[in-house]
Amino acid sequence: MTVTEELRERHSALWDRMVYHPFVVEMGDGTLPGEKFKHYFLQDYVFVADLVSMTAQGISKAPDFDAASRLHSFLTGILDPENDLFLRAFDVLGASEEEYSSASASPTTRAFGDFLVRTGLEGSFEDIITVLYVTEGTYLDWGTRLISEGKKPENPIYQEWIDIHGPAVLGSLVKWMGQYIDRADLSARRSKIDERFHTALRYECLFWDAAYNERQPWPDE
């Protein structure tokens, strides 16, 4: 059994909880209320800045040009086409420029983002790839599932969000990250890699939960 197979088996309940979350199911069916998706997109827009920061650190720690190039391509995809989708989606969802430009992180978004930034600053390249394997691998799984099931929600933003997380966009990247983790010498760091994997997966589940509930206030709000 490979490292990634072992990690996914050990934490299969959490992985499935994320991939089959009601948010995902309802998005695929087209029944997800627009306000829930708007809340999710505003928080994801805030979150992406920390994902970019960790990925940039990954490029700086890459062991070779091929690894750096793959992360650079991923980063370009976040900064260009995905950012364009964010702006178009906000227009469709009725979020003003003032609203999305001044959006602040919820407790879960802040904690997840801080975890990413700390992983980027303190972690090894393998740590960063492990976390990215979770963030992109779980999205690839639900995107692939919805596409294979023929889900075509009427909301064009829902459909585009599904499409950009399918195998045509994320497949090769996630496959490469899995192969990299499986080939790496992690014998002395398996517990740390497991911790990174498990923590990232926990936050992904919490992120869906917070989005589905629409609001997760700080104690004094």
Protein backbone atom coordinates (compact mmCIF):
# COMPACT_ATOMS: atom_id res chain seq x y z
CA MET A 1 0.00 0.00 0.00
CA THR A 2 1.38 3.42 -0.95
CA VAL A 3 1.63 6.33 1.47
CA THR A 4 -1.32 8.16 -0.08
CA GLU A 5 -3.42 4.98 -0.14
CA GLU A 6 -2.67 4.42 3.53
CA LEU A 7 -3.49 8.02 4.45
CA ARG A 8 -6.74 8.01 2.51
CA GLU A 9 -7.77 4.69 4.02
CA ARG A 10 -6.94 5.80 7.56
CA HIS A 11 -8.93 9.00 7.16
CA SER A 12 -11.56 7.70 4.72
CA ALA A 13 -14.51 8.75 6.89
CA LEU A 14 -13.38 12.38 6.89
CA TRP A 15 -12.48 12.29 3.19
CA ASP A 16 -15.93 10.95 2.30
CA ARG A 17 -17.60 13.44 4.62
CA MET A 18 -15.96 16.25 2.69
CA VAL A 19 -16.59 14.80 -0.78
CA TYR A 20 -20.25 13.93 -0.06
CA HIS A 21 -21.05 16.99 2.04
CA PRO A 22 -24.64 18.34 1.66
CA PHE A 23 -23.15 21.52 0.20
CA VAL A 24 -21.64 19.48 -2.65
CA VAL A 25 -24.73 17.30 -3.14
CA GLU A 26 -27.07 20.29 -3.31
CA MET A 27 -24.72 22.23 -5.58
CA GLY A 28 -24.71 19.32 -8.01
CA ASP A 29 -28.49 19.00 -7.85
CA GLY A 30 -28.90 22.75 -8.31
CA THR A 31 -30.86 23.06 -5.06
CA LEU A 32 -28.20 24.85 -3.03
CA PRO A 33 -29.52 28.30 -2.01
CA GLY A 34 -27.62 31.12 -3.65
CA GLU A 35 -26.92 32.78 -0.31
CA LYS A 36 -25.08 29.69 0.91
CA PHE A 37 -22.90 29.67 -2.20
CA LYS A 38 -22.33 33.41 -1.91
CA HIS A 39 -21.18 33.01 1.68
CA TYR A 40 -18.88 30.16 0.62
CA PHE A 41 -17.42 32.13 -2.28
CA LEU A 42 -16.73 35.19 -0.15
CA GLN A 43 -14.87 33.05 2.38
CA ASP A 44 -13.04 31.12 -0.34
CA TYR A 45 -11.97 34.42 -1.88
CA VAL A 46 -10.39 35.36 1.45
CA PHE A 47 -8.92 31.87 1.89
CA VAL A 48 -7.25 31.80 -1.54
CA ALA A 49 -4.71 34.45 -0.49
CA ASP A 50 -3.27 32.03 2.09
CA LEU A 51 -3.38 29.14 -0.39
CA VAL A 52 -1.36 31.30 -2.79
CA SER A 53 1.12 32.13 -0.03
CA MET A 54 1.72 28.46 0.82
CA THR A 55 2.01 27.49 -2.85
CA ALA A 56 4.55 30.26 -3.45
CA GLN A 57 6.59 28.92 -0.54
CA GLY A 58 6.33 25.50 -2.16
CA ILE A 59 7.86 26.87 -5.35
CA SER A 60 10.75 28.34 -3.38
CA LYS A 61 11.33 24.97 -1.63
CA ALA A 62 10.87 22.79 -4.71
CA PRO A 63 13.65 20.20 -5.16
CA ASP A 64 13.84 20.65 -8.94
CA PHE A 65 12.55 22.71 -11.86
CA ASP A 66 9.81 20.21 -12.72
CA ALA A 67 8.27 20.40 -9.24
CA ALA A 68 8.55 24.20 -9.24
CA SER A 69 6.97 24.41 -12.69
CA ARG A 70 3.99 22.28 -11.68
CA LEU A 71 3.25 24.49 -8.68
CA HIS A 72 3.80 27.58 -10.79
CA SER A 73 1.20 26.37 -13.29
CA PHE A 74 -1.22 25.69 -10.44
CA LEU A 75 -0.58 29.14 -9.00
CA THR A 76 -1.17 30.76 -12.39
CA GLY A 77 -4.51 28.97 -12.59
CA ILE A 78 -5.54 30.42 -9.23
CA LEU A 79 -4.43 33.96 -10.05
CA ASP A 80 -5.89 34.16 -13.55
CA PRO A 81 -8.90 32.04 -14.65
CA GLU A 82 -10.08 31.25 -11.12
CA ASN A 83 -9.85 34.88 -10.06
CA ASP A 84 -11.85 35.84 -13.16
CA LEU A 85 -14.50 33.31 -12.13
CA PHE A 86 -14.64 34.80 -8.64
CA LEU A 87 -15.35 38.27 -10.03
CA ARG A 88 -17.99 37.04 -12.48
CA ALA A 89 -19.61 34.93 -9.77
CA PHE A 90 -19.83 37.83 -7.37
CA ASP A 91 -21.66 39.81 -10.03
CA VAL A 92 -24.16 36.96 -10.60
CA LEU A 93 -24.54 36.34 -6.86
CA GLY A 94 -25.16 40.00 -6.10
CA ALA A 95 -21.99 40.64 -4.11
CA SER A 96 -20.74 44.18 -4.63
CA GLU A 97 -17.08 45.04 -5.09
CA GLU A 98 -17.13 46.65 -1.67
CA GLU A 99 -18.54 43.46 -0.15
CA TYR A 100 -15.97 41.04 -1.58
CA SER A 101 -13.01 43.39 -1.30
CA SER A 102 -13.72 44.00 2.39
CA ALA A 103 -14.74 40.42 3.27
CA SER A 104 -13.11 39.20 6.47
CA ALA A 105 -12.23 35.66 7.47
CA SER A 106 -14.59 33.64 9.63
CA PRO A 107 -13.02 31.73 12.54
CA THR A 108 -12.69 28.59 10.39
CA THR A 109 -11.29 30.47 7.40
CA ARG A 110 -8.77 32.26 9.62
CA ALA A 111 -7.66 29.03 11.29
CA PHE A 112 -7.41 27.12 8.01
CA GLY A 113 -5.49 29.98 6.38
CA ASP A 114 -3.10 30.26 9.32
CA PHE A 115 -2.46 26.52 9.07
CA LEU A 116 -1.58 26.90 5.39
CA VAL A 117 0.73 29.86 5.96
CA ARG A 118 2.51 28.10 8.83
CA THR A 119 2.92 24.97 6.71
CA GLY A 120 4.44 27.08 3.95
CA LEU A 121 6.85 28.89 6.26
CA GLU A 122 7.86 26.05 8.60
CA GLY A 123 7.14 22.91 6.61
CA SER A 124 9.18 21.02 4.06
CA PHE A 125 8.25 20.69 0.40
CA GLU A 126 6.70 17.32 1.25
CA ASP A 127 4.54 18.95 3.93
CA ILE A 128 3.29 21.54 1.44
CA ILE A 129 2.55 18.92 -1.22
CA THR A 130 0.69 16.79 1.31
CA VAL A 131 -1.59 19.67 2.26
CA LEU A 132 -2.15 20.55 -1.40
CA TYR A 133 -2.91 16.91 -2.12
CA VAL A 134 -5.77 17.16 0.38
CA THR A 135 -7.10 20.55 -0.73
CA GLU A 136 -7.00 19.69 -4.44
CA GLY A 137 -7.57 15.94 -4.17
CA THR A 138 -10.83 16.26 -2.26
CA TYR A 139 -12.09 18.87 -4.71
CA LEU A 140 -11.06 16.67 -7.62
CA ASP A 141 -12.99 13.77 -6.10
CA TRP A 142 -16.27 15.61 -5.70
CA GLY A 143 -15.86 17.38 -9.03
CA THR A 144 -15.19 14.09 -10.82
CA ARG A 145 -18.14 12.44 -9.09
CA LEU A 146 -20.61 15.17 -10.04
CA ILE A 147 -19.38 15.20 -13.63
CA SER A 148 -19.54 11.41 -13.94
CA GLU A 149 -23.08 11.45 -12.52
CA GLY A 150 -24.08 13.93 -15.22
CA LYS A 151 -24.96 16.70 -12.81
CA LYS A 152 -25.79 19.91 -14.66
CA PRO A 153 -27.18 22.57 -12.32
CA GLU A 154 -28.99 25.44 -14.02
CA ASN A 155 -26.91 28.03 -12.17
CA PRO A 156 -23.95 28.65 -14.53
CA ILE A 157 -21.63 29.48 -11.62
CA TYR A 158 -22.34 26.15 -9.95
CA GLN A 159 -21.66 24.36 -13.23
CA GLU A 160 -18.41 26.20 -13.87
CA TRP A 161 -17.23 25.55 -10.31
CA ILE A 162 -17.86 21.85 -10.85
CA ASP A 163 -16.11 21.83 -14.22
CA ILE A 164 -12.89 23.48 -13.02
CA HIS A 165 -12.55 20.83 -10.33
CA GLY A 166 -12.90 17.89 -12.68
CA PRO A 167 -10.16 15.60 -14.04
CA ALA A 168 -9.49 17.75 -17.09
CA VAL A 169 -8.26 20.58 -14.85
CA LEU A 170 -6.99 18.96 -11.64
CA GLY A 171 -6.39 15.35 -12.66
CA SER A 172 -2.76 15.51 -13.73
CA LEU A 173 -1.72 17.79 -10.85
CA VAL A 174 -3.26 15.60 -8.14
CA LYS A 175 -1.84 12.47 -9.77
CA TRP A 176 1.64 14.01 -9.79
CA MET A 177 1.36 15.14 -6.16
CA GLY A 178 0.28 11.65 -5.09
CA GLN A 179 3.17 10.06 -6.96
CA TYR A 180 5.60 12.54 -5.45
CA ILE A 181 4.45 11.75 -1.91
CA ASP A 182 4.57 8.01 -2.59
CA ARG A 183 8.14 8.19 -3.93
CA ALA A 184 9.51 10.50 -1.21
CA ASP A 185 11.55 9.13 1.66
CA LEU A 186 9.20 9.87 4.52
CA SER A 187 10.30 7.11 6.88
CA ALA A 188 11.46 9.58 9.53
CA ARG A 189 8.51 11.95 9.07
CA ARG A 190 5.44 9.76 8.64
CA SER A 191 3.78 11.01 11.81
CA LYS A 192 4.21 14.64 10.74
CA ILE A 193 2.92 13.91 7.23
CA ASP A 194 -0.09 12.16 8.74
CA GLU A 195 -0.71 15.16 10.98
CA ARG A 196 -0.57 17.56 8.02
CA PHE A 197 -2.92 15.35 5.99
CA HIS A 198 -5.37 14.86 8.86
CA THR A 199 -5.42 18.52 9.86
CA ALA A 200 -5.96 19.75 6.31
CA LEU A 201 -8.82 17.28 5.87
CA ARG A 202 -10.43 18.37 9.13
CA TYR A 203 -10.32 21.99 8.04
CA GLU A 204 -11.82 21.14 4.65
CA CYS A 205 -14.80 19.55 6.42
CA LEU A 206 -15.16 22.51 8.77
CA PHE A 207 -14.99 24.89 5.81
CA TRP A 208 -17.96 23.16 4.15
CA ASP A 209 -19.85 23.13 7.46
CA ALA A 210 -19.32 26.86 7.96
CA ALA A 211 -20.38 27.60 4.37
CA TYR A 212 -23.48 25.44 4.59
CA ASN A 213 -24.55 27.11 7.82
CA GLU A 214 -23.88 30.47 6.11
CA ARG A 215 -22.57 32.18 9.21
CA GLN A 216 -19.94 31.34 11.78
CA PRO A 217 -19.52 34.45 13.92
CA TRP A 218 -16.79 35.30 16.36
CA PRO A 219 -17.97 35.18 20.00
CA ASP A 220 -18.36 38.96 20.22
CA GLU A 221 -20.23 39.42 16.94
